[in-house]
Amino acid sequence: MNIVRRPFRYKEYNVTLFLLAVNILVFIFQQLIPRITYYAALNPILVLRGRYFWQFVTYMFAHGGMSHILFNMLALFIFGTQVEREMGSMEFFLYYMLTGTLAGVFSFAIYVFTGMNQVFLLGASGAIFAVQLAYATFFPDSIIYVMGIIPLRAPVMVLVFTGIAVFSQITGFQNGVAHLTHLAGFAFGWIYFLVRFGKNPLDSLIGHRR
């Protein structure tokens, strides 16, 4: 068997709850010691000159405010628990950390290329977009109530959110939101499914029929 596709032994460790706890703890420390954000968020200058390479990982555990962490953690809990149950905890942890880290690396490269060296990137949204993609791929018939009132099938929800991110990135709508990182998380999640599982999410997103 190809080592890239060799499955982990299926076990459940409640990794989603662990990730939730780490995010919440980091956010609390950010409020108590604001300087932590400087070291945790991803900044091109600090990475290039200060060699703060850990920021490629830590940026996804730091958040910019209460609403930022609230929506991200709500999405992680709703979708992450189900995806973890489907993948197994070890696979889910690898998926979450790899897609989030690569989304950060990609965003860093874009920032450096475009001269946006003053940016401080933070938030779990890149990994969350990947988790939502996985959820829609595994559960294409699942109905999600957006804002608690709008029923959408999971693939439709993912495509709508991705479309909004693309539109916002192109037009500059919602300036200050890292739409490119969201899209990168989505893209790396897609690549993960292709490489690791040999499965094309497109089959679920637009090819599935009830």
N, C-alpha and C. Protein backbone atom coordinates (compact mmCIF):
# COMPACT_ATOMS: atom_id res chain seq x y z
N MET A 1 0.84 -1.20 0.00
CA MET A 1 0.00 0.00 0.00
C MET A 1 0.88 1.25 0.00
N ASN A 2 0.50 2.24 -0.78
CA ASN A 2 1.20 3.53 -0.82
C ASN A 2 1.25 4.12 0.58
N ILE A 3 2.47 4.48 1.04
CA ILE A 3 2.61 4.98 2.41
C ILE A 3 1.80 6.26 2.63
N VAL A 4 1.62 7.04 1.57
CA VAL A 4 0.85 8.29 1.70
C VAL A 4 -0.60 8.00 2.02
N ARG A 5 -1.11 6.86 1.56
CA ARG A 5 -2.52 6.52 1.79
C ARG A 5 -2.70 5.45 2.86
N ARG A 6 -1.64 5.10 3.53
CA ARG A 6 -1.76 4.10 4.59
C ARG A 6 -2.60 4.67 5.73
N PRO A 7 -3.70 4.05 6.08
CA PRO A 7 -4.58 4.63 7.11
C PRO A 7 -4.01 4.47 8.52
N PHE A 8 -4.36 5.41 9.37
CA PHE A 8 -4.05 5.27 10.78
C PHE A 8 -5.01 4.27 11.41
N ARG A 9 -4.60 3.68 12.50
CA ARG A 9 -5.51 2.83 13.25
C ARG A 9 -6.62 3.72 13.83
N TYR A 10 -7.85 3.35 13.60
CA TYR A 10 -8.96 4.21 14.01
C TYR A 10 -9.10 4.24 15.53
N LYS A 11 -9.02 5.45 16.07
CA LYS A 11 -9.24 5.68 17.50
C LYS A 11 -9.86 7.06 17.67
N GLU A 12 -10.61 7.24 18.73
CA GLU A 12 -11.20 8.54 19.04
C GLU A 12 -10.63 9.05 20.35
N TYR A 13 -10.05 10.25 20.30
CA TYR A 13 -9.47 10.87 21.48
C TYR A 13 -10.11 12.21 21.81
N ASN A 14 -11.19 12.57 21.11
CA ASN A 14 -11.81 13.89 21.29
C ASN A 14 -10.81 15.01 21.01
N VAL A 15 -10.13 14.90 19.87
CA VAL A 15 -9.16 15.91 19.46
C VAL A 15 -9.85 17.27 19.27
N THR A 16 -11.08 17.25 18.78
CA THR A 16 -11.80 18.51 18.58
C THR A 16 -11.91 19.29 19.88
N LEU A 17 -12.24 18.61 20.96
CA LEU A 17 -12.35 19.29 22.26
C LEU A 17 -10.99 19.80 22.72
N PHE A 18 -9.94 19.05 22.44
CA PHE A 18 -8.59 19.50 22.76
C PHE A 18 -8.24 20.77 22.01
N LEU A 19 -8.55 20.81 20.71
CA LEU A 19 -8.28 22.00 19.90
C LEU A 19 -9.10 23.19 20.39
N LEU A 20 -10.35 22.94 20.75
CA LEU A 20 -11.19 24.00 21.31
C LEU A 20 -10.55 24.57 22.58
N ALA A 21 -10.11 23.68 23.45
CA ALA A 21 -9.53 24.11 24.72
C ALA A 21 -8.26 24.93 24.49
N VAL A 22 -7.41 24.51 23.57
CA VAL A 22 -6.17 25.25 23.30
C VAL A 22 -6.49 26.64 22.76
N ASN A 23 -7.43 26.72 21.82
CA ASN A 23 -7.82 28.02 21.28
C ASN A 23 -8.36 28.95 22.36
N ILE A 24 -9.19 28.42 23.22
CA ILE A 24 -9.79 29.24 24.27
C ILE A 24 -8.73 29.69 25.27
N LEU A 25 -7.82 28.78 25.64
CA LEU A 25 -6.75 29.13 26.58
C LEU A 25 -5.84 30.21 26.01
N VAL A 26 -5.48 30.07 24.73
CA VAL A 26 -4.64 31.07 24.10
C VAL A 26 -5.34 32.42 24.07
N PHE A 27 -6.64 32.41 23.77
CA PHE A 27 -7.39 33.66 23.73
C PHE A 27 -7.43 34.32 25.11
N ILE A 28 -7.61 33.52 26.15
CA ILE A 28 -7.61 34.06 27.51
C ILE A 28 -6.26 34.70 27.83
N PHE A 29 -5.18 34.01 27.47
CA PHE A 29 -3.85 34.57 27.71
C PHE A 29 -3.61 35.82 26.89
N GLN A 30 -4.21 35.89 25.70
CA GLN A 30 -4.10 37.11 24.89
C GLN A 30 -4.72 38.30 25.62
N GLN A 31 -5.82 38.04 26.31
CA GLN A 31 -6.48 39.12 27.03
C GLN A 31 -5.69 39.53 28.27
N LEU A 32 -5.08 38.54 28.91
CA LEU A 32 -4.31 38.82 30.13
C LEU A 32 -2.95 39.43 29.81
N ILE A 33 -2.33 38.93 28.74
CA ILE A 33 -0.99 39.39 28.34
C ILE A 33 -1.03 39.71 26.84
N PRO A 34 -1.48 40.89 26.45
CA PRO A 34 -1.64 41.23 25.03
C PRO A 34 -0.40 41.00 24.18
N ARG A 35 0.78 41.06 24.78
CA ARG A 35 2.02 40.87 24.04
C ARG A 35 2.09 39.49 23.38
N ILE A 36 1.33 38.54 23.93
CA ILE A 36 1.34 37.18 23.38
C ILE A 36 0.92 37.18 21.92
N THR A 37 -0.02 38.05 21.58
CA THR A 37 -0.49 38.12 20.20
C THR A 37 0.65 38.45 19.25
N TYR A 38 1.56 39.30 19.68
CA TYR A 38 2.72 39.69 18.86
C TYR A 38 3.56 38.48 18.50
N TYR A 39 3.70 37.55 19.42
CA TYR A 39 4.52 36.38 19.20
C TYR A 39 3.76 35.24 18.52
N ALA A 40 2.43 35.19 18.72
CA ALA A 40 1.65 34.08 18.19
C ALA A 40 1.14 34.31 16.77
N ALA A 41 0.72 35.55 16.47
CA ALA A 41 0.21 35.85 15.14
C ALA A 41 1.31 35.76 14.10
N LEU A 42 0.94 35.51 12.86
CA LEU A 42 1.91 35.34 11.78
C LEU A 42 2.23 36.67 11.12
N ASN A 43 3.48 37.11 11.26
CA ASN A 43 3.93 38.36 10.67
C ASN A 43 5.17 38.11 9.81
N PRO A 44 5.15 38.51 8.54
CA PRO A 44 6.27 38.22 7.63
C PRO A 44 7.61 38.75 8.13
N ILE A 45 7.65 39.94 8.69
CA ILE A 45 8.92 40.51 9.15
C ILE A 45 9.51 39.68 10.29
N LEU A 46 8.64 39.30 11.23
CA LEU A 46 9.13 38.51 12.37
C LEU A 46 9.61 37.13 11.93
N VAL A 47 8.96 36.57 10.94
CA VAL A 47 9.39 35.27 10.43
C VAL A 47 10.72 35.39 9.69
N LEU A 48 10.82 36.39 8.83
CA LEU A 48 12.02 36.53 8.00
C LEU A 48 13.23 37.02 8.78
N ARG A 49 13.02 38.02 9.63
CA ARG A 49 14.14 38.62 10.35
C ARG A 49 14.37 38.00 11.73
N GLY A 50 13.29 37.65 12.38
CA GLY A 50 13.42 37.11 13.73
C GLY A 50 13.38 35.60 13.79
N ARG A 51 13.09 34.96 12.64
CA ARG A 51 13.01 33.50 12.56
C ARG A 51 11.95 32.94 13.50
N TYR A 52 10.82 33.62 13.54
CA TYR A 52 9.70 33.16 14.37
C TYR A 52 8.89 32.12 13.59
N PHE A 53 9.54 31.03 13.25
CA PHE A 53 8.91 30.04 12.37
C PHE A 53 7.72 29.35 13.03
N TRP A 54 7.66 29.37 14.34
CA TRP A 54 6.53 28.74 15.03
C TRP A 54 5.21 29.44 14.70
N GLN A 55 5.29 30.67 14.19
CA GLN A 55 4.08 31.41 13.90
C GLN A 55 3.24 30.76 12.81
N PHE A 56 3.85 29.91 11.97
CA PHE A 56 3.09 29.20 10.95
C PHE A 56 2.06 28.26 11.59
N VAL A 57 2.29 27.89 12.84
CA VAL A 57 1.36 27.03 13.57
C VAL A 57 0.55 27.84 14.58
N THR A 58 1.23 28.69 15.32
CA THR A 58 0.55 29.37 16.43
C THR A 58 -0.49 30.39 15.97
N TYR A 59 -0.35 30.90 14.73
CA TYR A 59 -1.30 31.92 14.27
C TYR A 59 -2.74 31.41 14.30
N MET A 60 -2.91 30.10 14.08
CA MET A 60 -4.27 29.56 13.99
C MET A 60 -4.91 29.33 15.36
N PHE A 61 -4.15 29.56 16.42
CA PHE A 61 -4.70 29.42 17.77
C PHE A 61 -4.93 30.77 18.44
N ALA A 62 -4.54 31.85 17.77
CA ALA A 62 -4.75 33.20 18.30
C ALA A 62 -5.92 33.85 17.54
N HIS A 63 -6.67 34.70 18.23
CA HIS A 63 -7.83 35.34 17.61
C HIS A 63 -7.88 36.83 17.93
N GLY A 64 -8.60 37.54 17.07
CA GLY A 64 -8.61 39.00 17.16
C GLY A 64 -9.73 39.60 17.98
N GLY A 65 -10.60 38.79 18.54
CA GLY A 65 -11.68 39.34 19.35
C GLY A 65 -12.68 38.26 19.70
N MET A 66 -13.66 38.63 20.52
CA MET A 66 -14.63 37.66 21.01
C MET A 66 -15.45 37.05 19.88
N SER A 67 -15.95 37.87 18.96
CA SER A 67 -16.77 37.33 17.87
C SER A 67 -15.93 36.44 16.96
N HIS A 68 -14.66 36.80 16.78
CA HIS A 68 -13.76 36.02 15.93
C HIS A 68 -13.61 34.60 16.46
N ILE A 69 -13.28 34.47 17.74
CA ILE A 69 -13.08 33.14 18.29
C ILE A 69 -14.41 32.41 18.47
N LEU A 70 -15.48 33.15 18.77
CA LEU A 70 -16.78 32.52 18.99
C LEU A 70 -17.27 31.79 17.75
N PHE A 71 -17.24 32.47 16.60
CA PHE A 71 -17.72 31.85 15.37
C PHE A 71 -16.81 30.72 14.91
N ASN A 72 -15.50 30.91 15.07
CA ASN A 72 -14.59 29.85 14.67
C ASN A 72 -14.75 28.60 15.53
N MET A 73 -14.88 28.79 16.84
CA MET A 73 -15.00 27.64 17.72
C MET A 73 -16.36 26.97 17.60
N LEU A 74 -17.38 27.75 17.32
CA LEU A 74 -18.70 27.16 17.09
C LEU A 74 -18.66 26.26 15.85
N ALA A 75 -18.02 26.75 14.79
CA ALA A 75 -17.89 25.96 13.57
C ALA A 75 -17.03 24.72 13.81
N LEU A 76 -15.95 24.88 14.58
CA LEU A 76 -15.08 23.75 14.87
C LEU A 76 -15.83 22.68 15.64
N PHE A 77 -16.64 23.09 16.61
CA PHE A 77 -17.39 22.12 17.41
C PHE A 77 -18.46 21.41 16.57
N ILE A 78 -19.22 22.18 15.79
CA ILE A 78 -20.32 21.61 15.01
C ILE A 78 -19.80 20.64 13.96
N PHE A 79 -18.81 21.09 13.19
CA PHE A 79 -18.33 20.28 12.08
C PHE A 79 -17.18 19.36 12.47
N GLY A 80 -16.32 19.83 13.36
CA GLY A 80 -15.14 19.06 13.72
C GLY A 80 -15.46 17.76 14.42
N THR A 81 -16.44 17.77 15.30
CA THR A 81 -16.78 16.54 16.02
C THR A 81 -17.23 15.45 15.07
N GLN A 82 -18.02 15.83 14.05
CA GLN A 82 -18.51 14.85 13.10
C GLN A 82 -17.41 14.35 12.16
N VAL A 83 -16.57 15.27 11.72
CA VAL A 83 -15.47 14.89 10.83
C VAL A 83 -14.48 14.01 11.57
N GLU A 84 -14.20 14.35 12.83
CA GLU A 84 -13.29 13.53 13.62
C GLU A 84 -13.84 12.12 13.79
N ARG A 85 -15.15 12.02 14.03
CA ARG A 85 -15.75 10.70 14.20
C ARG A 85 -15.64 9.89 12.92
N GLU A 86 -15.72 10.56 11.77
CA GLU A 86 -15.63 9.87 10.49
C GLU A 86 -14.18 9.49 10.16
N MET A 87 -13.25 10.40 10.40
CA MET A 87 -11.84 10.18 10.05
C MET A 87 -11.09 9.35 11.08
N GLY A 88 -11.46 9.51 12.34
CA GLY A 88 -10.62 9.05 13.43
C GLY A 88 -9.77 10.21 13.92
N SER A 89 -9.41 10.20 15.17
CA SER A 89 -8.77 11.36 15.78
C SER A 89 -7.40 11.68 15.22
N MET A 90 -6.58 10.67 14.96
CA MET A 90 -5.24 10.93 14.46
C MET A 90 -5.29 11.55 13.06
N GLU A 91 -6.16 11.00 12.22
CA GLU A 91 -6.30 11.54 10.87
C GLU A 91 -6.83 12.97 10.91
N PHE A 92 -7.81 13.20 11.76
CA PHE A 92 -8.41 14.52 11.87
C PHE A 92 -7.39 15.55 12.36
N PHE A 93 -6.60 15.16 13.34
CA PHE A 93 -5.59 16.08 13.87
C PHE A 93 -4.57 16.44 12.79
N LEU A 94 -4.13 15.43 12.04
CA LEU A 94 -3.20 15.69 10.94
C LEU A 94 -3.84 16.61 9.91
N TYR A 95 -5.08 16.33 9.55
CA TYR A 95 -5.81 17.13 8.56
C TYR A 95 -5.93 18.57 9.01
N TYR A 96 -6.34 18.77 10.24
CA TYR A 96 -6.55 20.12 10.77
C TYR A 96 -5.24 20.91 10.83
N MET A 97 -4.22 20.30 11.40
CA MET A 97 -2.96 21.00 11.57
C MET A 97 -2.26 21.25 10.24
N LEU A 98 -2.30 20.28 9.34
CA LEU A 98 -1.61 20.43 8.06
C LEU A 98 -2.27 21.48 7.18
N THR A 99 -3.60 21.42 7.07
CA THR A 99 -4.29 22.40 6.24
C THR A 99 -4.15 23.81 6.81
N GLY A 100 -4.24 23.93 8.12
CA GLY A 100 -4.10 25.24 8.75
C GLY A 100 -2.70 25.80 8.59
N THR A 101 -1.70 24.95 8.78
CA THR A 101 -0.31 25.39 8.64
C THR A 101 0.00 25.79 7.20
N LEU A 102 -0.42 24.97 6.25
CA LEU A 102 -0.16 25.28 4.84
C LEU A 102 -0.90 26.53 4.40
N ALA A 103 -2.09 26.75 4.94
CA ALA A 103 -2.81 27.99 4.63
C ALA A 103 -2.02 29.20 5.12
N GLY A 104 -1.38 29.05 6.28
CA GLY A 104 -0.53 30.11 6.80
C GLY A 104 0.71 30.33 5.95
N VAL A 105 1.34 29.24 5.53
CA VAL A 105 2.53 29.34 4.69
C VAL A 105 2.19 30.01 3.36
N PHE A 106 1.07 29.62 2.77
CA PHE A 106 0.65 30.22 1.51
C PHE A 106 0.38 31.71 1.67
N SER A 107 -0.34 32.07 2.73
CA SER A 107 -0.64 33.48 2.99
C SER A 107 0.64 34.27 3.21
N PHE A 108 1.58 33.70 3.95
CA PHE A 108 2.87 34.33 4.18
C PHE A 108 3.58 34.62 2.86
N ALA A 109 3.59 33.63 1.96
CA ALA A 109 4.25 33.81 0.67
C ALA A 109 3.60 34.94 -0.14
N ILE A 110 2.29 35.01 -0.10
CA ILE A 110 1.58 36.08 -0.81
C ILE A 110 1.90 37.44 -0.20
N TYR A 111 1.90 37.49 1.13
CA TYR A 111 2.21 38.76 1.81
C TYR A 111 3.61 39.25 1.45
N VAL A 112 4.57 38.34 1.45
CA VAL A 112 5.94 38.72 1.12
C VAL A 112 6.03 39.17 -0.34
N PHE A 113 5.39 38.43 -1.22
CA PHE A 113 5.44 38.74 -2.65
C PHE A 113 4.81 40.10 -2.96
N THR A 114 3.75 40.44 -2.23
CA THR A 114 3.03 41.70 -2.48
C THR A 114 3.52 42.85 -1.60
N GLY A 115 4.49 42.57 -0.74
CA GLY A 115 5.03 43.61 0.11
C GLY A 115 4.19 43.95 1.33
N MET A 116 3.26 43.07 1.69
CA MET A 116 2.39 43.32 2.86
C MET A 116 3.07 42.77 4.11
N ASN A 117 4.22 43.31 4.44
CA ASN A 117 5.02 42.76 5.52
C ASN A 117 4.55 43.16 6.91
N GLN A 118 3.63 44.12 6.98
CA GLN A 118 3.17 44.59 8.29
C GLN A 118 1.97 43.81 8.81
N VAL A 119 1.45 42.89 7.98
CA VAL A 119 0.25 42.13 8.34
C VAL A 119 0.53 41.20 9.53
N PHE A 120 -0.45 41.12 10.43
CA PHE A 120 -0.44 40.11 11.49
C PHE A 120 -1.64 39.21 11.25
N LEU A 121 -1.37 38.00 10.80
CA LEU A 121 -2.43 37.03 10.48
C LEU A 121 -2.72 36.18 11.71
N LEU A 122 -3.98 36.05 12.04
CA LEU A 122 -4.35 35.20 13.17
C LEU A 122 -5.76 34.67 12.99
N GLY A 123 -6.01 33.50 13.56
CA GLY A 123 -7.33 32.89 13.49
C GLY A 123 -7.30 31.50 12.90
N ALA A 124 -8.29 30.69 13.27
CA ALA A 124 -8.36 29.29 12.85
C ALA A 124 -9.12 29.10 11.55
N SER A 125 -9.52 30.19 10.90
CA SER A 125 -10.46 30.09 9.78
C SER A 125 -9.94 29.25 8.62
N GLY A 126 -8.64 29.28 8.34
CA GLY A 126 -8.11 28.46 7.25
C GLY A 126 -8.37 26.98 7.51
N ALA A 127 -8.06 26.52 8.71
CA ALA A 127 -8.32 25.12 9.08
C ALA A 127 -9.81 24.84 9.14
N ILE A 128 -10.60 25.82 9.60
CA ILE A 128 -12.05 25.64 9.71
C ILE A 128 -12.66 25.45 8.33
N PHE A 129 -12.20 26.21 7.33
CA PHE A 129 -12.71 26.03 5.97
C PHE A 129 -12.42 24.61 5.48
N ALA A 130 -11.24 24.09 5.82
CA ALA A 130 -10.89 22.72 5.44
C ALA A 130 -11.81 21.72 6.14
N VAL A 131 -12.12 21.97 7.39
CA VAL A 131 -13.01 21.09 8.15
C VAL A 131 -14.42 21.11 7.55
N GLN A 132 -14.88 22.29 7.16
CA GLN A 132 -16.21 22.38 6.55
C GLN A 132 -16.25 21.64 5.22
N LEU A 133 -15.17 21.74 4.45
CA LEU A 133 -15.09 20.97 3.21
C LEU A 133 -15.19 19.48 3.49
N ALA A 134 -14.46 19.01 4.50
CA ALA A 134 -14.49 17.59 4.86
C ALA A 134 -15.89 17.17 5.30
N TYR A 135 -16.55 18.03 6.07
CA TYR A 135 -17.91 17.71 6.52
C TYR A 135 -18.85 17.55 5.33
N ALA A 136 -18.79 18.50 4.38
CA ALA A 136 -19.67 18.43 3.21
C ALA A 136 -19.35 17.22 2.35
N THR A 137 -18.08 16.81 2.32
CA THR A 137 -17.68 15.64 1.54
C THR A 137 -18.18 14.36 2.17
N PHE A 138 -18.11 14.27 3.48
CA PHE A 138 -18.56 13.06 4.18
C PHE A 138 -20.08 13.01 4.35
N PHE A 139 -20.70 14.17 4.51
CA PHE A 139 -22.14 14.22 4.81
C PHE A 139 -22.87 15.15 3.84
N PRO A 140 -22.91 14.79 2.57
CA PRO A 140 -23.48 15.69 1.56
C PRO A 140 -24.97 15.94 1.69
N ASP A 141 -25.69 15.08 2.40
CA ASP A 141 -27.13 15.28 2.57
C ASP A 141 -27.48 16.00 3.86
N SER A 142 -26.47 16.31 4.65
CA SER A 142 -26.72 16.99 5.92
C SER A 142 -27.26 18.40 5.67
N ILE A 143 -28.24 18.80 6.47
CA ILE A 143 -28.84 20.12 6.37
C ILE A 143 -28.29 21.01 7.48
N ILE A 144 -27.73 22.14 7.09
CA ILE A 144 -27.18 23.10 8.04
C ILE A 144 -28.08 24.34 8.05
N TYR A 145 -28.45 24.79 9.23
CA TYR A 145 -29.27 26.00 9.35
C TYR A 145 -28.35 27.19 9.59
N VAL A 146 -28.06 27.91 8.52
CA VAL A 146 -27.18 29.07 8.59
C VAL A 146 -27.88 30.16 9.38
N MET A 147 -27.17 30.72 10.37
CA MET A 147 -27.73 31.71 11.29
C MET A 147 -28.96 31.18 12.02
N GLY A 148 -29.08 29.85 12.03
CA GLY A 148 -30.18 29.22 12.76
C GLY A 148 -31.49 29.22 12.03
N ILE A 149 -31.58 29.79 10.82
CA ILE A 149 -32.87 29.91 10.16
C ILE A 149 -32.86 29.50 8.69
N ILE A 150 -31.72 29.57 8.01
CA ILE A 150 -31.66 29.30 6.57
C ILE A 150 -31.15 27.89 6.35
N PRO A 151 -32.03 26.96 5.89
CA PRO A 151 -31.58 25.57 5.68
C PRO A 151 -30.82 25.41 4.37
N LEU A 152 -29.62 24.89 4.46
CA LEU A 152 -28.82 24.62 3.27
C LEU A 152 -28.18 23.24 3.41
N ARG A 153 -28.14 22.50 2.31
CA ARG A 153 -27.37 21.26 2.33
C ARG A 153 -25.90 21.62 2.51
N ALA A 154 -25.17 20.76 3.18
CA ALA A 154 -23.77 21.06 3.52
C ALA A 154 -22.93 21.44 2.30
N PRO A 155 -23.03 20.73 1.16
CA PRO A 155 -22.23 21.15 0.01
C PRO A 155 -22.59 22.56 -0.48
N VAL A 156 -23.87 22.89 -0.44
CA VAL A 156 -24.30 24.23 -0.87
C VAL A 156 -23.72 25.28 0.07
N MET A 157 -23.77 25.00 1.38
CA MET A 157 -23.21 25.93 2.36
C MET A 157 -21.74 26.18 2.09
N VAL A 158 -20.99 25.11 1.85
CA VAL A 158 -19.55 25.25 1.62
C VAL A 158 -19.29 26.04 0.35
N LEU A 159 -20.03 25.76 -0.70
CA LEU A 159 -19.83 26.49 -1.96
C LEU A 159 -20.22 27.95 -1.82
N VAL A 160 -21.28 28.23 -1.06
CA VAL A 160 -21.69 29.62 -0.84
C VAL A 160 -20.62 30.37 -0.05
N PHE A 161 -20.13 29.78 1.04
CA PHE A 161 -19.10 30.43 1.84
C PHE A 161 -17.83 30.65 1.03
N THR A 162 -17.48 29.67 0.21
CA THR A 162 -16.28 29.80 -0.61
C THR A 162 -16.47 30.87 -1.67
N GLY A 163 -17.67 30.91 -2.27
CA GLY A 163 -17.97 31.95 -3.24
C GLY A 163 -17.89 33.34 -2.64
N ILE A 164 -18.38 33.49 -1.41
CA ILE A 164 -18.31 34.78 -0.72
C ILE A 164 -16.86 35.17 -0.48
N ALA A 165 -16.03 34.18 -0.09
CA ALA A 165 -14.61 34.47 0.15
C ALA A 165 -13.92 34.90 -1.14
N VAL A 166 -14.24 34.24 -2.26
CA VAL A 166 -13.65 34.61 -3.55
C VAL A 166 -14.08 36.02 -3.94
N PHE A 167 -15.38 36.29 -3.82
CA PHE A 167 -15.91 37.62 -4.15
C PHE A 167 -15.27 38.70 -3.28
N SER A 168 -15.14 38.41 -1.99
CA SER A 168 -14.58 39.39 -1.06
C SER A 168 -13.11 39.64 -1.34
N GLN A 169 -12.38 38.57 -1.71
CA GLN A 169 -10.97 38.72 -2.02
C GLN A 169 -10.77 39.58 -3.26
N ILE A 170 -11.61 39.38 -4.26
CA ILE A 170 -11.48 40.12 -5.52
C ILE A 170 -11.90 41.57 -5.37
N THR A 171 -13.00 41.80 -4.64
CA THR A 171 -13.56 43.14 -4.57
C THR A 171 -13.05 43.96 -3.39
N GLY A 172 -12.42 43.29 -2.42
CA GLY A 172 -11.98 44.01 -1.23
C GLY A 172 -13.07 44.17 -0.21
N PHE A 173 -14.22 43.49 -0.41
CA PHE A 173 -15.31 43.52 0.55
C PHE A 173 -14.86 42.88 1.86
N GLN A 174 -15.32 43.43 2.98
CA GLN A 174 -14.90 42.97 4.31
C GLN A 174 -13.39 43.06 4.45
N ASN A 175 -12.87 44.22 4.17
CA ASN A 175 -11.44 44.45 4.29
C ASN A 175 -10.98 44.16 5.72
N GLY A 176 -9.83 43.51 5.85
CA GLY A 176 -9.32 43.15 7.17
C GLY A 176 -9.56 41.69 7.51
N VAL A 177 -10.38 41.01 6.69
CA VAL A 177 -10.62 39.59 6.86
C VAL A 177 -9.70 38.82 5.91
N ALA A 178 -9.06 37.76 6.40
CA ALA A 178 -8.07 37.02 5.60
C ALA A 178 -8.77 36.02 4.68
N HIS A 179 -9.48 36.53 3.67
CA HIS A 179 -10.21 35.66 2.75
C HIS A 179 -9.27 34.71 2.03
N LEU A 180 -8.07 35.19 1.71
CA LEU A 180 -7.11 34.36 0.99
C LEU A 180 -6.71 33.14 1.82
N THR A 181 -6.59 33.34 3.12
CA THR A 181 -6.26 32.23 4.01
C THR A 181 -7.40 31.23 4.07
N HIS A 182 -8.64 31.73 4.09
CA HIS A 182 -9.81 30.84 4.06
C HIS A 182 -9.77 29.97 2.82
N LEU A 183 -9.55 30.62 1.67
CA LEU A 183 -9.54 29.89 0.40
C LEU A 183 -8.37 28.90 0.34
N ALA A 184 -7.24 29.29 0.93
CA ALA A 184 -6.08 28.39 0.95
C ALA A 184 -6.39 27.15 1.79
N GLY A 185 -7.05 27.34 2.94
CA GLY A 185 -7.45 26.20 3.76
C GLY A 185 -8.37 25.27 3.01
N PHE A 186 -9.33 25.85 2.30
CA PHE A 186 -10.25 25.07 1.47
C PHE A 186 -9.48 24.29 0.41
N ALA A 187 -8.54 24.96 -0.27
CA ALA A 187 -7.77 24.32 -1.34
C ALA A 187 -6.89 23.20 -0.82
N PHE A 188 -6.22 23.44 0.32
CA PHE A 188 -5.35 22.40 0.85
C PHE A 188 -6.16 21.23 1.41
N GLY A 189 -7.37 21.51 1.91
CA GLY A 189 -8.25 20.42 2.32
C GLY A 189 -8.63 19.56 1.13
N TRP A 190 -8.90 20.21 0.01
CA TRP A 190 -9.24 19.50 -1.23
C TRP A 190 -8.08 18.62 -1.68
N ILE A 191 -6.89 19.21 -1.67
CA ILE A 191 -5.69 18.45 -2.07
C ILE A 191 -5.47 17.26 -1.13
N TYR A 192 -5.70 17.46 0.16
CA TYR A 192 -5.53 16.38 1.14
C TYR A 192 -6.42 15.20 0.78
N PHE A 193 -7.67 15.48 0.43
CA PHE A 193 -8.59 14.40 0.07
C PHE A 193 -8.11 13.67 -1.18
N LEU A 194 -7.62 14.42 -2.14
CA LEU A 194 -7.14 13.80 -3.38
C LEU A 194 -5.91 12.93 -3.13
N VAL A 195 -4.96 13.45 -2.37
CA VAL A 195 -3.69 12.75 -2.15
C VAL A 195 -3.82 11.65 -1.11
N ARG A 196 -4.44 11.95 0.00
CA ARG A 196 -4.49 11.01 1.13
C ARG A 196 -5.56 9.93 0.95
N PHE A 197 -6.74 10.32 0.44
CA PHE A 197 -7.85 9.38 0.33
C PHE A 197 -8.15 8.95 -1.10
N GLY A 198 -7.56 9.62 -2.08
CA GLY A 198 -7.90 9.32 -3.46
C GLY A 198 -9.34 9.65 -3.77
N LYS A 199 -9.88 10.63 -3.08
CA LYS A 199 -11.29 11.00 -3.22
C LYS A 199 -11.39 12.45 -3.66
N ASN A 200 -12.20 12.71 -4.67
CA ASN A 200 -12.41 14.08 -5.13
C ASN A 200 -13.64 14.66 -4.47
N PRO A 201 -13.50 15.69 -3.63
CA PRO A 201 -14.66 16.29 -2.96
C PRO A 201 -15.73 16.78 -3.92
N LEU A 202 -15.33 17.04 -5.18
CA LEU A 202 -16.29 17.51 -6.16
C LEU A 202 -17.43 16.53 -6.35
N ASP A 203 -17.15 15.24 -6.17
CA ASP A 203 -18.20 14.22 -6.32
C ASP A 203 -19.31 14.42 -5.31
N SER A 204 -18.97 14.92 -4.12
CA SER A 204 -19.98 15.19 -3.10
C SER A 204 -20.58 16.58 -3.22
N LEU A 205 -19.72 17.54 -3.60
CA LEU A 205 -20.18 18.93 -3.63
C LEU A 205 -21.19 19.19 -4.74
N ILE A 206 -20.96 18.58 -5.91
CA ILE A 206 -21.91 18.84 -7.00
C ILE A 206 -22.40 17.57 -7.68
N GLY A 207 -21.77 16.44 -7.37
CA GLY A 207 -22.15 15.22 -8.07
C GLY A 207 -23.11 14.33 -7.32
N HIS A 208 -23.33 14.62 -6.02
CA HIS A 208 -24.17 13.75 -5.19
C HIS A 208 -25.64 14.02 -5.45
N ARG A 209 -26.44 13.01 -5.42
CA ARG A 209 -27.90 13.13 -5.56
C ARG A 209 -28.56 12.40 -4.42
N ARG A 210 -29.58 13.02 -3.90
CA ARG A 210 -30.31 12.40 -2.80
C ARG A 210 -31.15 11.25 -3.32
